[in-house]
Amino acid sequence: MAEENTQGGTGKDGAPQGNPARNYQVHINEDNRAGVYANAVSVHVNRNEVVLDFGYIQPGQQQGQNRIDVISRVNLNHQVARSFMTLLQDAILDFQNRVKEADGAQASDTQPQQ
């Protein structure tokens, strides 16, 4: 079983717990370690939950074929969905900033010095 450290988390009721900088160990069993690839996501929201359907669109579909094979469905309560949205947005922004910094460092390394 693989382990990863992550920050934040939710309690049994889905509510954020205490200090958001608190570390948790995430255990990933062998069956889930490889993960799955999805190139499409569908979001359904109702009064009680947010449902995320992750799917795969086969390349080369004929015109008029709009089929997405659902690979995984995740049901979240509204509090966890909001927390997930914030975590995902922060992670993407952090990644984009690291890429910008790396690109800037590369550009300054390749420019001739005067």
Protein backbone atom coordinates (compact mmCIF):
# COMPACT_ATOMS: atom_id res chain seq x y z
CA MET A 1 0.00 0.00 0.00
CA ALA A 2 1.43 3.39 -0.97
CA GLU A 3 1.28 6.38 1.32
CA GLU A 4 1.23 10.07 0.52
CA ASN A 5 1.17 13.05 2.83
CA THR A 6 -1.45 15.68 2.20
CA GLN A 7 -2.77 18.73 3.98
CA GLY A 8 -6.25 19.55 5.12
CA GLY A 9 -9.01 17.01 5.24
CA THR A 10 -12.52 16.44 6.36
CA GLY A 11 -14.21 14.72 9.25
CA LYS A 12 -16.86 12.00 9.19
CA ASP A 13 -19.53 14.60 8.46
CA GLY A 14 -17.49 16.10 5.59
CA ALA A 15 -16.74 19.28 7.54
CA PRO A 16 -13.19 20.64 7.39
CA GLN A 17 -11.24 19.65 10.47
CA GLY A 18 -9.20 22.05 12.61
CA ASN A 19 -6.00 23.42 11.18
CA PRO A 20 -5.96 23.21 7.36
CA ALA A 21 -2.17 22.73 7.50
CA ARG A 22 -2.61 19.49 9.47
CA ASN A 23 -0.96 16.56 7.68
CA TYR A 24 -2.78 13.31 6.89
CA GLN A 25 -1.42 10.09 5.50
CA VAL A 26 -3.36 8.90 2.47
CA HIS A 27 -3.25 5.14 1.96
CA ILE A 28 -3.58 3.91 -1.62
CA ASN A 29 -4.21 0.20 -2.08
CA GLU A 30 -2.66 -1.79 -4.93
CA ASP A 31 -5.87 -1.80 -6.98
CA ASN A 32 -5.97 2.02 -7.09
CA ARG A 33 -2.25 2.83 -7.26
CA ALA A 34 -2.10 3.13 -11.06
CA GLY A 35 -5.07 5.50 -11.14
CA VAL A 36 -7.32 5.97 -14.14
CA TYR A 37 -7.15 8.36 -17.07
CA ALA A 38 -10.09 10.63 -17.80
CA ASN A 39 -10.37 13.26 -20.53
CA ALA A 40 -13.91 14.35 -19.66
CA VAL A 41 -15.85 15.22 -16.53
CA SER A 42 -19.52 15.87 -15.96
CA VAL A 43 -20.86 17.60 -12.85
CA HIS A 44 -24.35 17.09 -11.46
CA VAL A 45 -25.58 19.09 -8.47
CA ASN A 46 -28.69 18.52 -6.42
CA ARG A 47 -29.88 19.58 -2.98
CA ASN A 48 -27.87 16.92 -1.13
CA GLU A 49 -24.74 16.27 -3.15
CA VAL A 50 -22.40 17.02 -6.00
CA VAL A 51 -21.73 14.12 -8.34
CA LEU A 52 -18.60 14.06 -10.49
CA ASP A 53 -18.59 11.58 -13.38
CA PHE A 54 -15.10 11.11 -14.80
CA GLY A 55 -15.06 9.61 -18.26
CA TYR A 56 -13.17 8.84 -21.40
CA ILE A 57 -14.04 10.04 -24.89
CA GLN A 58 -12.79 7.56 -27.47
CA PRO A 59 -10.71 9.24 -30.17
CA GLY A 60 -11.97 9.09 -33.74
CA GLN A 61 -15.68 8.97 -32.97
CA GLN A 62 -17.95 9.40 -35.95
CA GLN A 63 -19.84 12.67 -36.40
CA GLY A 64 -22.92 12.59 -34.19
CA GLN A 65 -21.47 10.09 -31.71
CA ASN A 66 -21.31 11.86 -28.38
CA ARG A 67 -20.46 8.92 -26.16
CA ILE A 68 -18.47 9.24 -22.95
CA ASP A 69 -17.65 6.04 -21.09
CA VAL A 70 -17.85 6.81 -17.35
CA ILE A 71 -14.78 5.42 -15.60
CA SER A 72 -15.45 6.64 -12.08
CA ARG A 73 -18.21 8.42 -10.17
CA VAL A 74 -17.50 10.47 -7.04
CA ASN A 75 -20.31 11.68 -4.79
CA LEU A 76 -19.50 14.62 -2.50
CA ASN A 77 -21.55 16.58 -0.01
CA HIS A 78 -21.59 20.34 -0.64
CA GLN A 79 -18.99 21.17 2.02
CA VAL A 80 -16.49 18.67 0.67
CA ALA A 81 -17.19 19.82 -2.90
CA ARG A 82 -16.38 23.44 -1.95
CA SER A 83 -13.21 22.30 -0.18
CA PHE A 84 -12.24 20.19 -3.21
CA MET A 85 -12.83 23.14 -5.56
CA THR A 86 -10.54 25.36 -3.47
CA LEU A 87 -7.83 22.70 -3.16
CA LEU A 88 -7.90 21.96 -6.89
CA GLN A 89 -7.79 25.64 -7.82
CA ASP A 90 -4.87 26.27 -5.44
CA ALA A 91 -2.96 23.24 -6.74
CA ILE A 92 -3.36 24.33 -10.37
CA LEU A 93 -2.31 27.92 -9.58
CA ASP A 94 0.75 26.66 -7.67
CA PHE A 95 1.70 24.44 -10.61
CA GLN A 96 1.27 27.28 -13.11
CA ASN A 97 3.42 29.57 -10.97
CA ARG A 98 6.18 26.93 -10.76
CA VAL A 99 6.10 26.49 -14.55
CA LYS A 100 6.31 30.28 -15.05
CA GLU A 101 9.26 30.49 -12.67
CA ALA A 102 11.04 27.60 -14.41
CA ASP A 103 10.37 29.11 -17.85
CA GLY A 104 11.65 32.50 -16.63
CA ALA A 105 14.80 30.92 -15.21
CA GLN A 106 15.42 29.05 -18.48
CA ALA A 107 14.89 32.20 -20.55
CA SER A 108 17.36 34.17 -18.45
CA ASP A 109 19.90 31.33 -18.68
CA THR A 110 19.75 31.26 -22.50
CA GLN A 111 19.90 35.03 -23.10
CA PRO A 112 23.36 36.41 -23.88
CA GLN A 113 24.91 38.41 -21.07
CA GLN A 114 26.22 41.88 -21.82
